[in-house]
Structures are given as C-alpha cells and as structure tokens.
Amino acid sequence: QVQLVESGGGLVQPGGSLRLSCAASGSIFSINTMGWYRQAPGKQRELVAVITSGSTTNYADSVKGRFTVSRLNAKNTVYLQMNSLKPEDTAVYYCNAAIAPLGGGFSYRNYWGQGTQVTVSS
C-alpha cells in the first residue's frame, strides 16, 4: 500500500507564510515527479507546483516568486513553502506523486493525498 500524508495547512493572514509537507510511505520502489495542486470552492483543481526526481521545477504563473517547491528524496517528502499569501490562495491543497510500487518495476502510478485546507483571511 502506498500513501501520501499531508500536513501544514491552516489559517493565515494575508501576507503571511505557511509550509506544507507531504510524505509518501508504503511499499515504494521509485518516485518520479511530486507536487502540489489546489482546488478552491466552485473551481477545478489546478497545478500549483511540481518537482521532478532531478529537481526540475514548474510553477503556476499565479504563484511564481511567492511559492517554492522542494523535496527530500531520502524521506520521500515534498514541501511547499508559501510566502506572501493572498486571499485568492485559499483552497484545499493536494499532494500528488508518480510512484512505482515495489514489485512492479518502473511502472508509475498517480497517487493523491487527502488534501489540507489553506485559508488566507484577515
């Protein structure tokens, strides 16, 4: 069984910062791209930031310069440092990872975390 467990969401004032973490656990052979998506009420889920196993990153235009995605491969963990938060960043943030489970070779599957709420409000 492979699991993604997120932490770090909460309520923050505009201009504040939060750091999200997501740890992958279980019978893992290999992890490729990891990243974060978000879904605001009434809107579709959208990409926030992703990072490959080689540390190449990609960001949504709306978060460039404010958010930083990173990963610690030794701990199968991806992070999202969010600075200068705005009310429009309010959403449920989901961790996503392409993971090859043990016993399947390099056959990657898409996994999602349960989501963590980020609310930016004064």
PDB file of N, CA and C in Angstrom:
ATOM      1  N   GLN A   1       0.835  -1.182   0.000  1.00  0.00           N
ATOM      2  CA  GLN A   1       0.000   0.000   0.000  1.00  0.00           C
ATOM      3  C   GLN A   1       0.876   1.240   0.000  1.00  0.00           C
ATOM      4  N   VAL A   2       0.541   2.189  -0.837  1.00  0.00           N
ATOM      5  CA  VAL A   2       1.254   3.465  -0.881  1.00  0.00           C
ATOM      6  C   VAL A   2       0.317   4.562  -0.399  1.00  0.00           C
ATOM      7  N   GLN A   3       0.855   5.444   0.416  1.00  0.00           N
ATOM      8  CA  GLN A   3       0.053   6.518   0.994  1.00  0.00           C
ATOM      9  C   GLN A   3       0.794   7.831   0.910  1.00  0.00           C
ATOM     10  N   LEU A   4       0.044   8.917   0.692  1.00  0.00           N
ATOM     11  CA  LEU A   4       0.594  10.266   0.778  1.00  0.00           C
ATOM     12  C   LEU A   4      -0.114  10.969   1.932  1.00  0.00           C
ATOM     13  N   VAL A   5       0.658  11.484   2.873  1.00  0.00           N
ATOM     14  CA  VAL A   5       0.082  12.151   4.032  1.00  0.00           C
ATOM     15  C   VAL A   5       0.590  13.584   4.090  1.00  0.00           C
ATOM     16  N   GLU A   6      -0.361  14.524   4.054  1.00  0.00           N
ATOM     17  CA  GLU A   6      -0.030  15.945   4.050  1.00  0.00           C
ATOM     18  C   GLU A   6      -0.160  16.530   5.451  1.00  0.00           C
ATOM     19  N   SER A   7       0.552  17.635   5.666  1.00  0.00           N
ATOM     20  CA  SER A   7       0.429  18.386   6.906  1.00  0.00           C
ATOM     21  C   SER A   7       0.825  19.829   6.643  1.00  0.00           C
ATOM     22  N   GLY A   8       0.412  20.719   7.560  1.00  0.00           N
ATOM     23  CA  GLY A   8       0.880  22.096   7.489  1.00  0.00           C
ATOM     24  C   GLY A   8      -0.129  23.129   7.068  1.00  0.00           C
ATOM     25  N   GLY A   9      -1.340  22.735   6.737  1.00  0.00           N
ATOM     26  CA  GLY A   9      -2.334  23.730   6.357  1.00  0.00           C
ATOM     27  C   GLY A   9      -2.836  24.503   7.571  1.00  0.00           C
ATOM     28  N   GLY A  10      -3.686  25.490   7.293  1.00  0.00           N
ATOM     29  CA  GLY A  10      -4.249  26.267   8.384  1.00  0.00           C
ATOM     30  C   GLY A  10      -4.735  27.621   7.938  1.00  0.00           C
ATOM     31  N   LEU A  11      -4.986  28.475   8.931  1.00  0.00           N
ATOM     32  CA  LEU A  11      -5.470  29.835   8.695  1.00  0.00           C
ATOM     33  C   LEU A  11      -4.311  30.813   8.858  1.00  0.00           C
ATOM     34  N   VAL A  12      -4.159  31.701   7.896  1.00  0.00           N
ATOM     35  CA  VAL A  12      -3.080  32.680   7.941  1.00  0.00           C
ATOM     36  C   VAL A  12      -3.587  34.008   7.392  1.00  0.00           C
ATOM     37  N   GLN A  13      -3.029  35.097   7.881  1.00  0.00           N
ATOM     38  CA  GLN A  13      -3.428  36.422   7.403  1.00  0.00           C
ATOM     39  C   GLN A  13      -2.771  36.723   6.058  1.00  0.00           C
ATOM     40  N   PRO A  14      -3.377  37.587   5.262  1.00  0.00           N
ATOM     41  CA  PRO A  14      -2.743  37.991   4.006  1.00  0.00           C
ATOM     42  C   PRO A  14      -1.325  38.515   4.246  1.00  0.00           C
ATOM     43  N   GLY A  15      -0.408  38.091   3.382  1.00  0.00           N
ATOM     44  CA  GLY A  15       0.992  38.452   3.542  1.00  0.00           C
ATOM     45  C   GLY A  15       1.788  37.468   4.381  1.00  0.00           C
ATOM     46  N   GLY A  16       1.108  36.540   4.995  1.00  0.00           N
ATOM     47  CA  GLY A  16       1.763  35.553   5.851  1.00  0.00           C
ATOM     48  C   GLY A  16       2.335  34.384   5.066  1.00  0.00           C
ATOM     49  N   SER A  17       2.878  33.426   5.819  1.00  0.00           N
ATOM     50  CA  SER A  17       3.536  32.263   5.224  1.00  0.00           C
ATOM     51  C   SER A  17       3.026  30.972   5.849  1.00  0.00           C
ATOM     52  N   LEU A  18       3.087  29.924   5.062  1.00  0.00           N
ATOM     53  CA  LEU A  18       2.806  28.567   5.525  1.00  0.00           C
ATOM     54  C   LEU A  18       3.726  27.613   4.788  1.00  0.00           C
ATOM     55  N   ARG A  19       4.007  26.477   5.428  1.00  0.00           N
ATOM     56  CA  ARG A  19       4.796  25.436   4.784  1.00  0.00           C
ATOM     57  C   ARG A  19       4.022  24.128   4.839  1.00  0.00           C
ATOM     58  N   LEU A  20       3.747  23.573   3.671  1.00  0.00           N
ATOM     59  CA  LEU A  20       3.087  22.287   3.579  1.00  0.00           C
ATOM     60  C   LEU A  20       4.127  21.185   3.391  1.00  0.00           C
ATOM     61  N   SER A  21       3.815  20.022   3.970  1.00  0.00           N
ATOM     62  CA  SER A  21       4.667  18.847   3.800  1.00  0.00           C
ATOM     63  C   SER A  21       3.814  17.677   3.350  1.00  0.00           C
ATOM     64  N   CYS A  22       4.439  16.783   2.594  1.00  0.00           N
ATOM     65  CA  CYS A  22       3.738  15.579   2.131  1.00  0.00           C
ATOM     66  C   CYS A  22       4.746  14.439   2.097  1.00  0.00           C
ATOM     67  N   ALA A  23       4.460  13.404   2.888  1.00  0.00           N
ATOM     68  CA  ALA A  23       5.350  12.257   2.954  1.00  0.00           C
ATOM     69  C   ALA A  23       4.694  11.041   2.307  1.00  0.00           C
ATOM     70  N   ALA A  24       5.446  10.392   1.447  1.00  0.00           N
ATOM     71  CA  ALA A  24       4.989   9.149   0.833  1.00  0.00           C
ATOM     72  C   ALA A  24       5.497   7.979   1.661  1.00  0.00           C
ATOM     73  N   SER A  25       4.628   7.001   1.886  1.00  0.00           N
ATOM     74  CA  SER A  25       5.021   5.837   2.677  1.00  0.00           C
ATOM     75  C   SER A  25       4.421   4.579   2.058  1.00  0.00           C
ATOM     76  N   GLY A  26       4.950   3.437   2.512  1.00  0.00           N
ATOM     77  CA  GLY A  26       4.452   2.167   2.000  1.00  0.00           C
ATOM     78  C   GLY A  26       5.504   1.441   1.189  1.00  0.00           C
ATOM     79  N   SER A  27       5.036   0.527   0.363  1.00  0.00           N
ATOM     80  CA  SER A  27       5.930  -0.304  -0.441  1.00  0.00           C
ATOM     81  C   SER A  27       6.297   0.428  -1.738  1.00  0.00           C
ATOM     82  N   ILE A  28       7.343   1.250  -1.638  1.00  0.00           N
ATOM     83  CA  ILE A  28       7.738   2.127  -2.738  1.00  0.00           C
ATOM     84  C   ILE A  28       9.038   1.667  -3.364  1.00  0.00           C
ATOM     85  N   PHE A  29       9.027   1.542  -4.696  1.00  0.00           N
ATOM     86  CA  PHE A  29      10.242   1.214  -5.434  1.00  0.00           C
ATOM     87  C   PHE A  29      10.927   2.485  -5.925  1.00  0.00           C
ATOM     88  N   SER A  30      10.135   3.396  -6.474  1.00  0.00           N
ATOM     89  CA  SER A  30      10.713   4.616  -7.031  1.00  0.00           C
ATOM     90  C   SER A  30       9.657   5.719  -7.065  1.00  0.00           C
ATOM     91  N   ILE A  31      10.104   6.966  -6.906  1.00  0.00           N
ATOM     92  CA  ILE A  31       9.208   8.124  -7.019  1.00  0.00           C
ATOM     93  C   ILE A  31       9.738   9.041  -8.098  1.00  0.00           C
ATOM     94  N   ASN A  32       8.876   9.441  -9.011  1.00  0.00           N
ATOM     95  CA  ASN A  32       9.268  10.356 -10.066  1.00  0.00           C
ATOM     96  C   ASN A  32       8.825  11.765  -9.661  1.00  0.00           C
ATOM     97  N   THR A  33       7.934  12.363 -10.398  1.00  0.00           N
ATOM     98  CA  THR A  33       7.515  13.730 -10.103  1.00  0.00           C
ATOM     99  C   THR A  33       6.628  13.782  -8.861  1.00  0.00           C
ATOM    100  N   MET A  34       6.846  14.790  -8.039  1.00  0.00           N
ATOM    101  CA  MET A  34       5.986  15.082  -6.885  1.00  0.00           C
ATOM    102  C   MET A  34       5.531  16.534  -6.991  1.00  0.00           C
ATOM    103  N   GLY A  35       4.397  16.829  -6.375  1.00  0.00           N
ATOM    104  CA  GLY A  35       3.980  18.219  -6.455  1.00  0.00           C
ATOM    105  C   GLY A  35       2.693  18.504  -5.729  1.00  0.00           C
ATOM    106  N   TRP A  36       2.187  19.696  -5.994  1.00  0.00           N
ATOM    107  CA  TRP A  36       1.013  20.203  -5.302  1.00  0.00           C
ATOM    108  C   TRP A  36       0.000  20.759  -6.304  1.00  0.00           C
ATOM    109  N   TYR A  37      -1.251  20.465  -6.015  1.00  0.00           N
ATOM    110  CA  TYR A  37      -2.381  21.016  -6.737  1.00  0.00           C
ATOM    111  C   TYR A  37      -3.315  21.644  -5.715  1.00  0.00           C
ATOM    112  N   ARG A  38      -4.237  22.471  -6.173  1.00  0.00           N
ATOM    113  CA  ARG A  38      -5.204  23.063  -5.258  1.00  0.00           C
ATOM    114  C   ARG A  38      -6.565  23.179  -5.923  1.00  0.00           C
ATOM    115  N   GLN A  39      -7.588  23.203  -5.073  1.00  0.00           N
ATOM    116  CA  GLN A  39      -8.947  23.338  -5.564  1.00  0.00           C
ATOM    117  C   GLN A  39      -9.711  24.284  -4.650  1.00  0.00           C
ATOM    118  N   ALA A  40     -10.133  25.401  -5.211  1.00  0.00           N
ATOM    119  CA  ALA A  40     -10.940  26.365  -4.479  1.00  0.00           C
ATOM    120  C   ALA A  40     -12.420  26.028  -4.687  1.00  0.00           C
ATOM    121  N   PRO A  41     -13.295  26.480  -3.780  1.00  0.00           N
ATOM    122  CA  PRO A  41     -14.725  26.178  -3.924  1.00  0.00           C
ATOM    123  C   PRO A  41     -15.268  26.638  -5.281  1.00  0.00           C
ATOM    124  N   GLY A  42     -15.956  25.740  -5.967  1.00  0.00           N
ATOM    125  CA  GLY A  42     -16.557  26.073  -7.248  1.00  0.00           C
ATOM    126  C   GLY A  42     -15.603  26.112  -8.419  1.00  0.00           C
ATOM    127  N   LYS A  43     -14.348  25.739  -8.179  1.00  0.00           N
ATOM    128  CA  LYS A  43     -13.351  25.785  -9.251  1.00  0.00           C
ATOM    129  C   LYS A  43     -12.746  24.402  -9.472  1.00  0.00           C
ATOM    130  N   GLN A  44     -12.107  24.251 -10.627  1.00  0.00           N
ATOM    131  CA  GLN A  44     -11.434  22.992 -10.925  1.00  0.00           C
ATOM    132  C   GLN A  44     -10.091  22.920 -10.204  1.00  0.00           C
ATOM    133  N   ARG A  45      -9.637  21.694  -9.990  1.00  0.00           N
ATOM    134  CA  ARG A  45      -8.319  21.502  -9.399  1.00  0.00           C
ATOM    135  C   ARG A  45      -7.268  21.997 -10.386  1.00  0.00           C
ATOM    136  N   GLU A  46      -6.264  22.714  -9.854  1.00  0.00           N
ATOM    137  CA  GLU A  46      -5.235  23.279 -10.721  1.00  0.00           C
ATOM    138  C   GLU A  46      -3.844  22.995 -10.170  1.00  0.00           C
ATOM    139  N   LEU A  47      -2.885  22.950 -11.074  1.00  0.00           N
ATOM    140  CA  LEU A  47      -1.497  22.744 -10.687  1.00  0.00           C
ATOM    141  C   LEU A  47      -0.980  23.980  -9.959  1.00  0.00           C
ATOM    142  N   VAL A  48      -0.253  23.735  -8.878  1.00  0.00           N
ATOM    143  CA  VAL A  48       0.417  24.823  -8.160  1.00  0.00           C
ATOM    144  C   VAL A  48       1.916  24.775  -8.455  1.00  0.00           C
ATOM    145  N   ALA A  49       2.536  23.626  -8.166  1.00  0.00           N
ATOM    146  CA  ALA A  49       3.973  23.484  -8.387  1.00  0.00           C
ATOM    147  C   ALA A  49       4.333  22.006  -8.388  1.00  0.00           C
ATOM    148  N   VAL A  50       5.274  21.640  -9.248  1.00  0.00           N
ATOM    149  CA  VAL A  50       5.756  20.262  -9.287  1.00  0.00           C
ATOM    150  C   VAL A  50       7.270  20.258  -9.351  1.00  0.00           C
ATOM    151  N   ILE A  51       7.858  19.129  -8.943  1.00  0.00           N
ATOM    152  CA  ILE A  51       9.305  18.968  -8.962  1.00  0.00           C
ATOM    153  C   ILE A  51       9.622  17.541  -9.375  1.00  0.00           C
ATOM    154  N   THR A  52      10.538  17.401 -10.325  1.00  0.00           N
ATOM    155  CA  THR A  52      10.899  16.078 -10.801  1.00  0.00           C
ATOM    156  C   THR A  52      11.937  15.440  -9.878  1.00  0.00           C
ATOM    157  N   SER A  53      12.243  14.193 -10.144  1.00  0.00           N
ATOM    158  CA  SER A  53      13.256  13.498  -9.355  1.00  0.00           C
ATOM    159  C   SER A  53      14.630  14.148  -9.538  1.00  0.00           C
ATOM    160  N   GLY A  54      14.813  14.859 -10.634  1.00  0.00           N
ATOM    161  CA  GLY A  54      16.057  15.574 -10.881  1.00  0.00           C
ATOM    162  C   GLY A  54      16.014  17.020 -10.420  1.00  0.00           C
ATOM    163  N   SER A  55      14.940  17.380  -9.683  1.00  0.00           N
ATOM    164  CA  SER A  55      14.768  18.710  -9.089  1.00  0.00           C
ATOM    165  C   SER A  55      14.436  19.813 -10.083  1.00  0.00           C
ATOM    166  N   THR A  56      13.953  19.457 -11.247  1.00  0.00           N
ATOM    167  CA  THR A  56      13.411  20.463 -12.152  1.00  0.00           C
ATOM    168  C   THR A  56      12.034  20.858 -11.645  1.00  0.00           C
ATOM    169  N   THR A  57      11.765  22.166 -11.594  1.00  0.00           N
ATOM    170  CA  THR A  57      10.502  22.647 -11.042  1.00  0.00           C
ATOM    171  C   THR A  57       9.654  23.350 -12.098  1.00  0.00           C
ATOM    172  N   ASN A  58       8.345  23.384 -11.817  1.00  0.00           N
ATOM    173  CA  ASN A  58       7.406  24.094 -12.672  1.00  0.00           C
ATOM    174  C   ASN A  58       6.339  24.694 -11.774  1.00  0.00           C
ATOM    175  N   TYR A  59       6.009  25.966 -12.018  1.00  0.00           N
ATOM    176  CA  TYR A  59       5.059  26.673 -11.156  1.00  0.00           C
ATOM    177  C   TYR A  59       3.918  27.262 -11.977  1.00  0.00           C
ATOM    178  N   ALA A  60       2.763  27.370 -11.354  1.00  0.00           N
ATOM    179  CA  ALA A  60       1.680  28.151 -11.932  1.00  0.00           C
ATOM    180  C   ALA A  60       2.105  29.618 -11.924  1.00  0.00           C
ATOM    181  N   ASP A  61       1.702  30.347 -12.941  1.00  0.00           N
ATOM    182  CA  ASP A  61       2.078  31.763 -13.025  1.00  0.00           C
ATOM    183  C   ASP A  61       1.633  32.537 -11.784  1.00  0.00           C
ATOM    184  N   SER A  62       0.506  32.152 -11.225  1.00  0.00           N
ATOM    185  CA  SER A  62      -0.071  32.894 -10.108  1.00  0.00           C
ATOM    186  C   SER A  62       0.746  32.782  -8.826  1.00  0.00           C
ATOM    187  N   VAL A  63       1.662  31.809  -8.746  1.00  0.00           N
ATOM    188  CA  VAL A  63       2.433  31.622  -7.511  1.00  0.00           C
ATOM    189  C   VAL A  63       3.923  31.843  -7.708  1.00  0.00           C
ATOM    190  N   LYS A  64       4.343  32.079  -8.939  1.00  0.00           N
ATOM    191  CA  LYS A  64       5.773  32.282  -9.196  1.00  0.00           C
ATOM    192  C   LYS A  64       6.305  33.450  -8.373  1.00  0.00           C
ATOM    193  N   GLY A  65       7.462  33.233  -7.747  1.00  0.00           N
ATOM    194  CA  GLY A  65       8.072  34.268  -6.935  1.00  0.00           C
ATOM    195  C   GLY A  65       7.576  34.298  -5.507  1.00  0.00           C
ATOM    196  N   ARG A  66       6.505  33.564  -5.223  1.00  0.00           N
ATOM    197  CA  ARG A  66       5.951  33.529  -3.866  1.00  0.00           C
ATOM    198  C   ARG A  66       6.054  32.134  -3.233  1.00  0.00           C
ATOM    199  N   PHE A  67       5.874  31.102  -4.037  1.00  0.00           N
ATOM    200  CA  PHE A  67       5.897  29.719  -3.547  1.00  0.00           C
ATOM    201  C   PHE A  67       7.174  29.029  -4.009  1.00  0.00           C
ATOM    202  N   THR A  68       7.660  28.111  -3.187  1.00  0.00           N
ATOM    203  CA  THR A  68       8.828  27.308  -3.541  1.00  0.00           C
ATOM    204  C   THR A  68       8.547  25.845  -3.229  1.00  0.00           C
ATOM    205  N   VAL A  69       8.709  24.993  -4.238  1.00  0.00           N
ATOM    206  CA  VAL A  69       8.552  23.552  -4.045  1.00  0.00           C
ATOM    207  C   VAL A  69       9.933  22.920  -3.920  1.00  0.00           C
ATOM    208  N   SER A  70      10.056  21.966  -3.001  1.00  0.00           N
ATOM    209  CA  SER A  70      11.318  21.259  -2.809  1.00  0.00           C
ATOM    210  C   SER A  70      11.014  19.839  -2.381  1.00  0.00           C
ATOM    211  N   ARG A  71      12.038  18.991  -2.394  1.00  0.00           N
ATOM    212  CA  ARG A  71      11.828  17.612  -1.979  1.00  0.00           C
ATOM    213  C   ARG A  71      13.074  17.082  -1.295  1.00  0.00           C
ATOM    214  N   LEU A  72      12.837  16.116  -0.416  1.00  0.00           N
ATOM    215  CA  LEU A  72      13.920  15.414   0.259  1.00  0.00           C
ATOM    216  C   LEU A  72      13.747  13.948  -0.091  1.00  0.00           C
ATOM    217  N   ASN A  73      14.527  13.487  -1.058  1.00  0.00           N
ATOM    218  CA  ASN A  73      14.334  12.130  -1.578  1.00  0.00           C
ATOM    219  C   ASN A  73      14.565  11.062  -0.512  1.00  0.00           C
ATOM    220  N   ALA A  74      15.486  11.317   0.391  1.00  0.00           N
ATOM    221  CA  ALA A  74      15.790  10.315   1.423  1.00  0.00           C
ATOM    222  C   ALA A  74      14.592  10.051   2.331  1.00  0.00           C
ATOM    223  N   LYS A  75      13.680  11.026   2.385  1.00  0.00           N
ATOM    224  CA  LYS A  75      12.493  10.875   3.230  1.00  0.00           C
ATOM    225  C   LYS A  75      11.204  10.779   2.411  1.00  0.00           C
ATOM    226  N   ASN A  76      11.344  10.673   1.083  1.00  0.00           N
ATOM    227  CA  ASN A  76      10.163  10.577   0.200  1.00  0.00           C
ATOM    228  C   ASN A  76       9.170  11.695   0.491  1.00  0.00           C
ATOM    229  N   THR A  77       9.681  12.888   0.679  1.00  0.00           N
ATOM    230  CA  THR A  77       8.856  14.017   1.121  1.00  0.00           C
ATOM    231  C   THR A  77       8.995  15.194   0.164  1.00  0.00           C
ATOM    232  N   VAL A  78       7.865  15.848  -0.080  1.00  0.00           N
ATOM    233  CA  VAL A  78       7.848  17.070  -0.870  1.00  0.00           C
ATOM    234  C   VAL A  78       7.278  18.188  -0.009  1.00  0.00           C
ATOM    235  N   TYR A  79       7.806  19.390  -0.207  1.00  0.00           N
ATOM    236  CA  TYR A  79       7.403  20.545   0.580  1.00  0.00           C
ATOM    237  C   TYR A  79       6.900  21.657  -0.340  1.00  0.00           C
ATOM    238  N   LEU A  80       6.061  22.523   0.236  1.00  0.00           N
ATOM    239  CA  LEU A  80       5.638  23.726  -0.467  1.00  0.00           C
ATOM    240  C   LEU A  80       5.727  24.888   0.511  1.00  0.00           C
ATOM    241  N   GLN A  81       6.704  25.744   0.314  1.00  0.00           N
ATOM    242  CA  GLN A  81       6.842  26.957   1.117  1.00  0.00           C
ATOM    243  C   GLN A  81       6.044  28.053   0.434  1.00  0.00           C
ATOM    244  N   MET A  82       5.067  28.575   1.154  1.00  0.00           N
ATOM    245  CA  MET A  82       4.173  29.590   0.595  1.00  0.00           C
ATOM    246  C   MET A  82       4.374  30.898   1.342  1.00  0.00           C
ATOM    247  N   ASN A  83       4.849  31.915   0.633  1.00  0.00           N
ATOM    248  CA  ASN A  83       5.068  33.240   1.210  1.00  0.00           C
ATOM    249  C   ASN A  83       4.152  34.258   0.547  1.00  0.00           C
ATOM    250  N   SER A  84       4.018  35.405   1.182  1.00  0.00           N
ATOM    251  CA  SER A  84       3.191  36.493   0.643  1.00  0.00           C
ATOM    252  C   SER A  84       1.814  35.986   0.213  1.00  0.00           C
ATOM    253  N   LEU A  85       1.194  35.229   1.097  1.00  0.00           N
ATOM    254  CA  LEU A  85      -0.091  34.601   0.759  1.00  0.00           C
ATOM    255  C   LEU A  85      -1.179  35.646   0.549  1.00  0.00           C
ATOM    256  N   LYS A  86      -2.067  35.325  -0.391  1.00  0.00           N
ATOM    257  CA  LYS A  86      -3.176  36.199  -0.756  1.00  0.00           C
ATOM    258  C   LYS A  86      -4.498  35.473  -0.503  1.00  0.00           C
ATOM    259  N   PRO A  87      -5.586  36.199  -0.321  1.00  0.00           N
ATOM    260  CA  PRO A  87      -6.885  35.536  -0.139  1.00  0.00           C
ATOM    261  C   PRO A  87      -7.218  34.577  -1.278  1.00  0.00           C
ATOM    262  N   GLU A  88      -6.779  34.895  -2.483  1.00  0.00           N
ATOM    263  CA  GLU A  88      -7.071  34.004  -3.624  1.00  0.00           C
ATOM    264  C   GLU A  88      -6.275  32.705  -3.602  1.00  0.00           C
ATOM    265  N   ASP A  89      -5.355  32.568  -2.652  1.00  0.00           N
ATOM    266  CA  ASP A  89      -4.647  31.299  -2.462  1.00  0.00           C
ATOM    267  C   ASP A  89      -5.462  30.324  -1.611  1.00  0.00           C
ATOM    268  N   THR A  90      -6.575  30.785  -1.072  1.00  0.00           N
ATOM    269  CA  THR A  90      -7.425  29.924  -0.245  1.00  0.00           C
ATOM    270  C   THR A  90      -7.955  28.759  -1.074  1.00  0.00           C
ATOM    271  N   ALA A  91      -7.704  27.548  -0.592  1.00  0.00           N
ATOM    272  CA  ALA A  91      -8.102  26.337  -1.314  1.00  0.00           C
ATOM    273  C   ALA A  91      -7.740  25.118  -0.480  1.00  0.00           C
ATOM    274  N   VAL A  92      -8.205  23.956  -0.936  1.00  0.00           N
ATOM    275  CA  VAL A  92      -7.684  22.694  -0.423  1.00  0.00           C
ATOM    276  C   VAL A  92      -6.484  22.326  -1.289  1.00  0.00           C
ATOM    277  N   TYR A  93      -5.367  22.088  -0.645  1.00  0.00           N
ATOM    278  CA  TYR A  93      -4.128  21.756  -1.345  1.00  0.00           C
ATOM    279  C   TYR A  93      -3.901  20.251  -1.293  1.00  0.00           C
ATOM    280  N   TYR A  94      -3.656  19.673  -2.459  1.00  0.00           N
ATOM    281  CA  TYR A  94      -3.469  18.231  -2.583  1.00  0.00           C
ATOM    282  C   TYR A  94      -2.046  17.917  -3.030  1.00  0.00           C
ATOM    283  N   CYS A  95      -1.461  16.940  -2.363  1.00  0.00           N
ATOM    284  CA  CYS A  95      -0.171  16.413  -2.771  1.00  0.00           C
ATOM    285  C   CYS A  95      -0.389  15.371  -3.860  1.00  0.00           C
ATOM    286  N   ASN A  96       0.526  15.329  -4.802  1.00  0.00           N
ATOM    287  CA  ASN A  96       0.447  14.353  -5.888  1.00  0.00           C
ATOM    288  C   ASN A  96       1.831  13.794  -6.153  1.00  0.00           C
ATOM    289  N   ALA A  97       1.883  12.495  -6.466  1.00  0.00           N
ATOM    290  CA  ALA A  97       3.178  11.890  -6.762  1.00  0.00           C
ATOM    291  C   ALA A  97       3.015  10.731  -7.743  1.00  0.00           C
ATOM    292  N   ALA A  98       3.997  10.589  -8.615  1.00  0.00           N
ATOM    293  CA  ALA A  98       4.073   9.444  -9.516  1.00  0.00           C
ATOM    294  C   ALA A  98       5.001   8.430  -8.869  1.00  0.00           C
ATOM    295  N   ILE A  99       4.416   7.306  -8.442  1.00  0.00           N
ATOM    296  CA  ILE A  99       5.145   6.332  -7.635  1.00  0.00           C
ATOM    297  C   ILE A  99       5.067   4.953  -8.278  1.00  0.00           C
ATOM    298  N   ALA A 100       6.228   4.292  -8.324  1.00  0.00           N
ATOM    299  CA  ALA A 100       6.286   2.904  -8.765  1.00  0.00           C
ATOM    300  C   ALA A 100       6.326   2.031  -7.518  1.00  0.00           C
ATOM    301  N   PRO A 101       5.276   1.254  -7.267  1.00  0.00           N
ATOM    302  CA  PRO A 101       5.266   0.397  -6.088  1.00  0.00           C
ATOM    303  C   PRO A 101       6.275  -0.743  -6.218  1.00  0.00           C
ATOM    304  N   LEU A 102       6.676  -1.295  -5.091  1.00  0.00           N
ATOM    305  CA  LEU A 102       7.568  -2.449  -5.085  1.00  0.00           C
ATOM    306  C   LEU A 102       6.939  -3.610  -5.848  1.00  0.00           C
ATOM    307  N   GLY A 103       7.774  -4.284  -6.634  1.00  0.00           N
ATOM    308  CA  GLY A 103       7.307  -5.456  -7.354  1.00  0.00           C
ATOM    309  C   GLY A 103       6.781  -5.177  -8.741  1.00  0.00           C
ATOM    310  N   GLY A 104       6.671  -3.890  -9.099  1.00  0.00           N
ATOM    311  CA  GLY A 104       6.110  -3.542 -10.404  1.00  0.00           C
ATOM    312  C   GLY A 104       7.107  -2.936 -11.362  1.00  0.00           C
ATOM    313  N   GLY A 105       8.385  -2.955 -10.973  1.00  0.00           N
ATOM    314  CA  GLY A 105       9.379  -2.314 -11.816  1.00  0.00           C
ATOM    315  C   GLY A 105       9.120  -0.823 -11.907  1.00  0.00           C
ATOM    316  N   PHE A 106       9.492  -0.213 -13.048  1.00  0.00           N
ATOM    317  CA  PHE A 106       9.313   1.227 -13.222  1.00  0.00           C
ATOM    318  C   PHE A 106       7.939   1.530 -13.834  1.00  0.00           C
ATOM    319  N   SER A 107       6.906   0.957 -13.242  1.00  0.00           N
ATOM    320  CA  SER A 107       5.533   1.198 -13.680  1.00  0.00           C
ATOM    321  C   SER A 107       4.911   2.199 -12.717  1.00  0.00           C
ATOM    322  N   TYR A 108       4.924   3.467 -13.112  1.00  0.00           N
ATOM    323  CA  TYR A 108       4.488   4.537 -12.212  1.00  0.00           C
ATOM    324  C   TYR A 108       2.969   4.681 -12.229  1.00  0.00           C
ATOM    325  N   ARG A 109       2.442   4.945 -11.038  1.00  0.00           N
ATOM    326  CA  ARG A 109       1.020   5.217 -10.865  1.00  0.00           C
ATOM    327  C   ARG A 109       0.876   6.576 -10.189  1.00  0.00           C
ATOM    328  N   ASN A 110      -0.284   7.204 -10.404  1.00  0.00           N
ATOM    329  CA  ASN A 110      -0.549   8.526  -9.868  1.00  0.00           C
ATOM    330  C   ASN A 110      -1.254   8.402  -8.508  1.00  0.00           C
ATOM    331  N   TYR A 111      -0.684   9.016  -7.480  1.00  0.00           N
ATOM    332  CA  TYR A 111      -1.270   8.973  -6.144  1.00  0.00           C
ATOM    333  C   TYR A 111      -1.583  10.385  -5.667  1.00  0.00           C
ATOM    334  N   TRP A 112      -2.662  10.470  -4.841  1.00  0.00           N
ATOM    335  CA  TRP A 112      -3.083  11.753  -4.276  1.00  0.00           C
ATOM    336  C   TRP A 112      -3.151  11.670  -2.760  1.00  0.00           C
ATOM    337  N   GLY A 113      -2.836  12.770  -2.104  1.00  0.00           N
ATOM    338  CA  GLY A 113      -3.071  12.877  -0.678  1.00  0.00           C
ATOM    339  C   GLY A 113      -4.521  13.222  -0.406  1.00  0.00           C
ATOM    340  N   GLN A 114      -4.853  13.325   0.883  1.00  0.00           N
ATOM    341  CA  GLN A 114      -6.236  13.551   1.271  1.00  0.00           C
ATOM    342  C   GLN A 114      -6.620  15.020   1.205  1.00  0.00           C
ATOM    343  N   GLY A 115      -5.639  15.899   1.080  1.00  0.00           N
ATOM    344  CA  GLY A 115      -5.890  17.327   0.994  1.00  0.00           C
ATOM    345  C   GLY A 115      -5.759  18.015   2.330  1.00  0.00           C
ATOM    346  N   THR A 116      -5.275  19.247   2.299  1.00  0.00           N
ATOM    347  CA  THR A 116      -5.165  20.058   3.505  1.00  0.00           C
ATOM    348  C   THR A 116      -5.664  21.470   3.194  1.00  0.00           C
ATOM    349  N   GLN A 117      -6.469  22.009   4.094  1.00  0.00           N
ATOM    350  CA  GLN A 117      -7.098  23.310   3.859  1.00  0.00           C
ATOM    351  C   GLN A 117      -6.127  24.444   4.169  1.00  0.00           C
ATOM    352  N   VAL A 118      -6.021  25.369   3.243  1.00  0.00           N
ATOM    353  CA  VAL A 118      -5.277  26.610   3.461  1.00  0.00           C
ATOM    354  C   VAL A 118      -6.268  27.762   3.304  1.00  0.00           C
ATOM    355  N   THR A 119      -6.389  28.565   4.348  1.00  0.00           N
ATOM    356  CA  THR A 119      -7.297  29.707   4.321  1.00  0.00           C
ATOM    357  C   THR A 119      -6.510  30.976   4.605  1.00  0.00           C
ATOM    358  N   VAL A 120      -6.609  31.931   3.685  1.00  0.00           N
ATOM    359  CA  VAL A 120      -5.913  33.209   3.833  1.00  0.00           C
ATOM    360  C   VAL A 120      -6.972  34.280   4.044  1.00  0.00           C
ATOM    361  N   SER A 121      -6.999  34.809   5.258  1.00  0.00           N
ATOM    362  CA  SER A 121      -8.052  35.754   5.607  1.00  0.00           C
ATOM    363  C   SER A 121      -7.626  36.589   6.797  1.00  0.00           C
ATOM    364  N   SER A 122      -8.095  37.834   6.813  1.00  0.00           N
ATOM    365  CA  SER A 122      -7.825  38.692   7.966  1.00  0.00           C
ATOM    366  C   SER A 122      -8.977  38.617   8.955  1.00  0.00           C
TER     367      SER A 122
END
